[in-house]
Amino acid sequence: MAKKGNRVQVILECTEHKDSGMAGTSRYITTKNKKNSPDRMEIKKYNPILKRMTVHKEIK
């Protein structure tokens, strides 16, 4: 039997983009170890629509 891994795929979405009123969304897909970091991720990533670094939070 195969063991289930602790790594899961998560989607990160920009928190500042909705407030800006501009069309579209900035999302990134990454993986995290759910055993080491059970809380939602929060990372600074580049938002190409706003053309600057913004905070992206895990959704779902």
PDB file of N, CA and C in Angstrom:
ATOM      1  N   MET A   1       0.825  -1.200   0.000  1.00  0.00           N
ATOM      2  CA  MET A   1       0.000   0.000   0.000  1.00  0.00           C
ATOM      3  C   MET A   1       0.866   1.259   0.000  1.00  0.00           C
ATOM      4  N   ALA A   2       0.439   2.227  -0.731  1.00  0.00           N
ATOM      5  CA  ALA A   2       1.171   3.492  -0.797  1.00  0.00           C
ATOM      6  C   ALA A   2       0.714   4.414   0.324  1.00  0.00           C
ATOM      7  N   LYS A   3       1.692   5.092   0.928  1.00  0.00           N
ATOM      8  CA  LYS A   3       1.378   6.052   1.993  1.00  0.00           C
ATOM      9  C   LYS A   3       0.939   7.375   1.395  1.00  0.00           C
ATOM     10  N   LYS A   4       0.052   8.054   2.077  1.00  0.00           N
ATOM     11  CA  LYS A   4      -0.342   9.397   1.634  1.00  0.00           C
ATOM     12  C   LYS A   4       0.718  10.379   2.104  1.00  0.00           C
ATOM     13  N   GLY A   5       1.121  11.275   1.227  1.00  0.00           N
ATOM     14  CA  GLY A   5       2.140  12.255   1.578  1.00  0.00           C
ATOM     15  C   GLY A   5       1.564  13.414   2.377  1.00  0.00           C
ATOM     16  N   ASN A   6       2.454  14.163   3.022  1.00  0.00           N
ATOM     17  CA  ASN A   6       2.043  15.337   3.790  1.00  0.00           C
ATOM     18  C   ASN A   6       1.991  16.595   2.947  1.00  0.00           C
ATOM     19  N   ARG A   7       2.515  16.517   1.700  1.00  0.00           N
ATOM     20  CA  ARG A   7       2.525  17.710   0.849  1.00  0.00           C
ATOM     21  C   ARG A   7       1.208  17.829   0.095  1.00  0.00           C
ATOM     22  N   VAL A   8       0.637  19.031   0.140  1.00  0.00           N
ATOM     23  CA  VAL A   8      -0.613  19.296  -0.565  1.00  0.00           C
ATOM     24  C   VAL A   8      -0.460  20.536  -1.434  1.00  0.00           C
ATOM     25  N   GLN A   9      -1.228  20.570  -2.524  1.00  0.00           N
ATOM     26  CA  GLN A   9      -1.214  21.737  -3.406  1.00  0.00           C
ATOM     27  C   GLN A   9      -2.130  22.806  -2.834  1.00  0.00           C
ATOM     28  N   VAL A  10      -1.660  24.058  -2.837  1.00  0.00           N
ATOM     29  CA  VAL A  10      -2.467  25.170  -2.353  1.00  0.00           C
ATOM     30  C   VAL A  10      -2.472  26.290  -3.387  1.00  0.00           C
ATOM     31  N   ILE A  11      -3.528  27.100  -3.362  1.00  0.00           N
ATOM     32  CA  ILE A  11      -3.647  28.241  -4.263  1.00  0.00           C
ATOM     33  C   ILE A  11      -3.481  29.512  -3.436  1.00  0.00           C
ATOM     34  N   LEU A  12      -2.597  30.388  -3.891  1.00  0.00           N
ATOM     35  CA  LEU A  12      -2.374  31.671  -3.223  1.00  0.00           C
ATOM     36  C   LEU A  12      -3.011  32.768  -4.058  1.00  0.00           C
ATOM     37  N   GLU A  13      -3.794  33.643  -3.418  1.00  0.00           N
ATOM     38  CA  GLU A  13      -4.470  34.725  -4.133  1.00  0.00           C
ATOM     39  C   GLU A  13      -4.086  36.061  -3.513  1.00  0.00           C
ATOM     40  N   CYS A  14      -3.933  37.074  -4.349  1.00  0.00           N
ATOM     41  CA  CYS A  14      -3.557  38.414  -3.895  1.00  0.00           C
ATOM     42  C   CYS A  14      -4.661  39.025  -3.030  1.00  0.00           C
ATOM     43  N   THR A  15      -4.253  39.641  -1.922  1.00  0.00           N
ATOM     44  CA  THR A  15      -5.218  40.261  -1.012  1.00  0.00           C
ATOM     45  C   THR A  15      -5.519  41.707  -1.405  1.00  0.00           C
ATOM     46  N   GLU A  16      -4.597  42.376  -2.061  1.00  0.00           N
ATOM     47  CA  GLU A  16      -4.756  43.800  -2.395  1.00  0.00           C
ATOM     48  C   GLU A  16      -5.459  44.029  -3.731  1.00  0.00           C
ATOM     49  N   HIS A  17      -5.561  42.989  -4.558  1.00  0.00           N
ATOM     50  CA  HIS A  17      -6.078  43.160  -5.912  1.00  0.00           C
ATOM     51  C   HIS A  17      -7.568  43.511  -5.935  1.00  0.00           C
ATOM     52  N   LYS A  18      -8.365  42.910  -5.043  1.00  0.00           N
ATOM     53  CA  LYS A  18      -9.809  43.175  -5.034  1.00  0.00           C
ATOM     54  C   LYS A  18     -10.107  44.630  -4.704  1.00  0.00           C
ATOM     55  N   ASP A  19      -9.332  45.212  -3.798  1.00  0.00           N
ATOM     56  CA  ASP A  19      -9.528  46.604  -3.381  1.00  0.00           C
ATOM     57  C   ASP A  19      -9.138  47.602  -4.467  1.00  0.00           C
ATOM     58  N   SER A  20      -8.248  47.189  -5.389  1.00  0.00           N
ATOM     59  CA  SER A  20      -7.751  48.115  -6.406  1.00  0.00           C
ATOM     60  C   SER A  20      -8.802  48.434  -7.473  1.00  0.00           C
ATOM     61  N   GLY A  21      -9.768  47.542  -7.673  1.00  0.00           N
ATOM     62  CA  GLY A  21     -10.803  47.771  -8.672  1.00  0.00           C
ATOM     63  C   GLY A  21     -10.405  47.385 -10.080  1.00  0.00           C
ATOM     64  N   MET A  22      -9.189  46.870 -10.258  1.00  0.00           N
ATOM     65  CA  MET A  22      -8.725  46.450 -11.578  1.00  0.00           C
ATOM     66  C   MET A  22      -9.264  45.058 -11.899  1.00  0.00           C
ATOM     67  N   ALA A  23      -9.416  44.764 -13.187  1.00  0.00           N
ATOM     68  CA  ALA A  23      -9.941  43.472 -13.612  1.00  0.00           C
ATOM     69  C   ALA A  23      -8.897  42.368 -13.417  1.00  0.00           C
ATOM     70  N   GLY A  24      -9.376  41.126 -13.316  1.00  0.00           N
ATOM     71  CA  GLY A  24      -8.483  39.975 -13.205  1.00  0.00           C
ATOM     72  C   GLY A  24      -8.097  39.666 -11.774  1.00  0.00           C
ATOM     73  N   THR A  25      -7.329  38.578 -11.609  1.00  0.00           N
ATOM     74  CA  THR A  25      -6.822  38.192 -10.300  1.00  0.00           C
ATOM     75  C   THR A  25      -5.394  37.696 -10.447  1.00  0.00           C
ATOM     76  N   SER A  26      -4.642  37.778  -9.364  1.00  0.00           N
ATOM     77  CA  SER A  26      -3.284  37.255  -9.337  1.00  0.00           C
ATOM     78  C   SER A  26      -3.279  36.031  -8.437  1.00  0.00           C
ATOM     79  N   ARG A  27      -3.035  34.860  -9.028  1.00  0.00           N
ATOM     80  CA  ARG A  27      -3.016  33.609  -8.264  1.00  0.00           C
ATOM     81  C   ARG A  27      -1.768  32.811  -8.591  1.00  0.00           C
ATOM     82  N   TYR A  28      -1.259  32.111  -7.594  1.00  0.00           N
ATOM     83  CA  TYR A  28      -0.116  31.220  -7.749  1.00  0.00           C
ATOM     84  C   TYR A  28      -0.491  29.869  -7.161  1.00  0.00           C
ATOM     85  N   ILE A  29       0.036  28.784  -7.728  1.00  0.00           N
ATOM     86  CA  ILE A  29      -0.154  27.445  -7.189  1.00  0.00           C
ATOM     87  C   ILE A  29       1.190  26.971  -6.663  1.00  0.00           C
ATOM     88  N   THR A  30       1.190  26.445  -5.434  1.00  0.00           N
ATOM     89  CA  THR A  30       2.404  25.938  -4.823  1.00  0.00           C
ATOM     90  C   THR A  30       2.052  24.756  -3.935  1.00  0.00           C
ATOM     91  N   THR A  31       3.040  24.167  -3.294  1.00  0.00           N
ATOM     92  CA  THR A  31       2.789  23.061  -2.377  1.00  0.00           C
ATOM     93  C   THR A  31       3.292  23.429  -1.003  1.00  0.00           C
ATOM     94  N   LYS A  32       2.703  22.793   0.013  1.00  0.00           N
ATOM     95  CA  LYS A  32       3.170  23.000   1.377  1.00  0.00           C
ATOM     96  C   LYS A  32       3.046  21.689   2.132  1.00  0.00           C
ATOM     97  N   ASN A  33       3.802  21.572   3.202  1.00  0.00           N
ATOM     98  CA  ASN A  33       3.730  20.405   4.063  1.00  0.00           C
ATOM     99  C   ASN A  33       2.691  20.693   5.136  1.00  0.00           C
ATOM    100  N   LYS A  34       1.555  20.007   5.066  1.00  0.00           N
ATOM    101  CA  LYS A  34       0.457  20.312   5.988  1.00  0.00           C
ATOM    102  C   LYS A  34       0.753  19.895   7.422  1.00  0.00           C
ATOM    103  N   LYS A  35       1.730  19.031   7.614  1.00  0.00           N
ATOM    104  CA  LYS A  35       2.115  18.620   8.968  1.00  0.00           C
ATOM    105  C   LYS A  35       2.953  19.709   9.651  1.00  0.00           C
ATOM    106  N   ASN A  36       3.882  20.318   8.910  1.00  0.00           N
ATOM    107  CA  ASN A  36       4.752  21.360   9.467  1.00  0.00           C
ATOM    108  C   ASN A  36       4.075  22.717   9.541  1.00  0.00           C
ATOM    109  N   SER A  37       3.186  23.009   8.607  1.00  0.00           N
ATOM    110  CA  SER A  37       2.508  24.310   8.596  1.00  0.00           C
ATOM    111  C   SER A  37       1.010  24.114   8.367  1.00  0.00           C
ATOM    112  N   PRO A  38       0.262  23.801   9.440  1.00  0.00           N
ATOM    113  CA  PRO A  38      -1.175  23.561   9.288  1.00  0.00           C
ATOM    114  C   PRO A  38      -1.993  24.831   9.054  1.00  0.00           C
ATOM    115  N   ASP A  39      -1.441  26.012   9.407  1.00  0.00           N
ATOM    116  CA  ASP A  39      -2.143  27.276   9.210  1.00  0.00           C
ATOM    117  C   ASP A  39      -2.085  27.680   7.741  1.00  0.00           C
ATOM    118  N   ARG A  40      -2.903  28.678   7.395  1.00  0.00           N
ATOM    119  CA  ARG A  40      -2.901  29.171   6.020  1.00  0.00           C
ATOM    120  C   ARG A  40      -1.625  29.953   5.732  1.00  0.00           C
ATOM    121  N   MET A  41      -1.077  29.757   4.542  1.00  0.00           N
ATOM    122  CA  MET A  41       0.155  30.430   4.131  1.00  0.00           C
ATOM    123  C   MET A  41      -0.113  31.885   3.774  1.00  0.00           C
ATOM    124  N   GLU A  42       0.903  32.710   3.956  1.00  0.00           N
ATOM    125  CA  GLU A  42       0.845  34.121   3.586  1.00  0.00           C
ATOM    126  C   GLU A  42       2.243  34.500   3.101  1.00  0.00           C
ATOM    127  N   ILE A  43       2.368  34.757   1.810  1.00  0.00           N
ATOM    128  CA  ILE A  43       3.676  35.016   1.198  1.00  0.00           C
ATOM    129  C   ILE A  43       3.603  36.258   0.333  1.00  0.00           C
ATOM    130  N   LYS A  44       4.703  37.013   0.287  1.00  0.00           N
ATOM    131  CA  LYS A  44       4.791  38.155  -0.621  1.00  0.00           C
ATOM    132  C   LYS A  44       5.223  37.637  -1.988  1.00  0.00           C
ATOM    133  N   LYS A  45       4.386  37.888  -3.002  1.00  0.00           N
ATOM    134  CA  LYS A  45       4.671  37.471  -4.367  1.00  0.00           C
ATOM    135  C   LYS A  45       4.437  38.659  -5.297  1.00  0.00           C
ATOM    136  N   TYR A  46       4.950  38.550  -6.523  1.00  0.00           N
ATOM    137  CA  TYR A  46       4.784  39.623  -7.507  1.00  0.00           C
ATOM    138  C   TYR A  46       3.403  39.544  -8.147  1.00  0.00           C
ATOM    139  N   ASN A  47       2.712  40.670  -8.187  1.00  0.00           N
ATOM    140  CA  ASN A  47       1.422  40.770  -8.858  1.00  0.00           C
ATOM    141  C   ASN A  47       1.662  41.495 -10.182  1.00  0.00           C
ATOM    142  N   PRO A  48       1.560  40.780 -11.319  1.00  0.00           N
ATOM    143  CA  PRO A  48       1.864  41.405 -12.610  1.00  0.00           C
ATOM    144  C   PRO A  48       0.856  42.477 -13.027  1.00  0.00           C
ATOM    145  N   ILE A  49      -0.359  42.433 -12.511  1.00  0.00           N
ATOM    146  CA  ILE A  49      -1.361  43.430 -12.881  1.00  0.00           C
ATOM    147  C   ILE A  49      -1.098  44.749 -12.150  1.00  0.00           C
ATOM    148  N   LEU A  50      -0.777  44.669 -10.858  1.00  0.00           N
ATOM    149  CA  LEU A  50      -0.457  45.869 -10.085  1.00  0.00           C
ATOM    150  C   LEU A  50       1.005  46.284 -10.252  1.00  0.00           C
ATOM    151  N   LYS A  51       1.815  45.390 -10.831  1.00  0.00           N
ATOM    152  CA  LYS A  51       3.244  45.626 -11.102  1.00  0.00           C
ATOM    153  C   LYS A  51       4.040  45.933  -9.838  1.00  0.00           C
ATOM    154  N   ARG A  52       3.766  45.160  -8.767  1.00  0.00           N
ATOM    155  CA  ARG A  52       4.540  45.290  -7.524  1.00  0.00           C
ATOM    156  C   ARG A  52       4.342  44.046  -6.663  1.00  0.00           C
ATOM    157  N   MET A  53       5.152  43.954  -5.615  1.00  0.00           N
ATOM    158  CA  MET A  53       5.055  42.839  -4.676  1.00  0.00           C
ATOM    159  C   MET A  53       3.858  43.066  -3.744  1.00  0.00           C
ATOM    160  N   THR A  54       3.038  42.042  -3.584  1.00  0.00           N
ATOM    161  CA  THR A  54       1.863  42.123  -2.701  1.00  0.00           C
ATOM    162  C   THR A  54       1.766  40.851  -1.870  1.00  0.00           C
ATOM    163  N   VAL A  55       0.963  40.891  -0.820  1.00  0.00           N
ATOM    164  CA  VAL A  55       0.753  39.720   0.025  1.00  0.00           C
ATOM    165  C   VAL A  55      -0.272  38.810  -0.634  1.00  0.00           C
ATOM    166  N   HIS A  56       0.082  37.533  -0.756  1.00  0.00           N
ATOM    167  CA  HIS A  56      -0.827  36.517  -1.302  1.00  0.00           C
ATOM    168  C   HIS A  56      -1.137  35.541  -0.182  1.00  0.00           C
ATOM    169  N   LYS A  57      -2.446  35.256   0.011  1.00  0.00           N
ATOM    170  CA  LYS A  57      -2.875  34.330   1.064  1.00  0.00           C
ATOM    171  C   LYS A  57      -3.473  33.082   0.452  1.00  0.00           C
ATOM    172  N   GLU A  58      -3.370  32.002   1.197  1.00  0.00           N
ATOM    173  CA  GLU A  58      -3.929  30.723   0.766  1.00  0.00           C
ATOM    174  C   GLU A  58      -5.454  30.787   0.794  1.00  0.00           C
ATOM    175  N   ILE A  59      -6.080  30.270  -0.270  1.00  0.00           N
ATOM    176  CA  ILE A  59      -7.547  30.234  -0.302  1.00  0.00           C
ATOM    177  C   ILE A  59      -8.006  28.793  -0.190  1.00  0.00           C
ATOM    178  N   LYS A  60      -9.271  28.598   0.178  1.00  0.00           N
ATOM    179  CA  LYS A  60      -9.906  27.298   0.418  1.00  0.00           C
ATOM    180  C   LYS A  60      -9.410  26.716   1.700  1.00  0.00           C
TER     181      LYS A  60
END
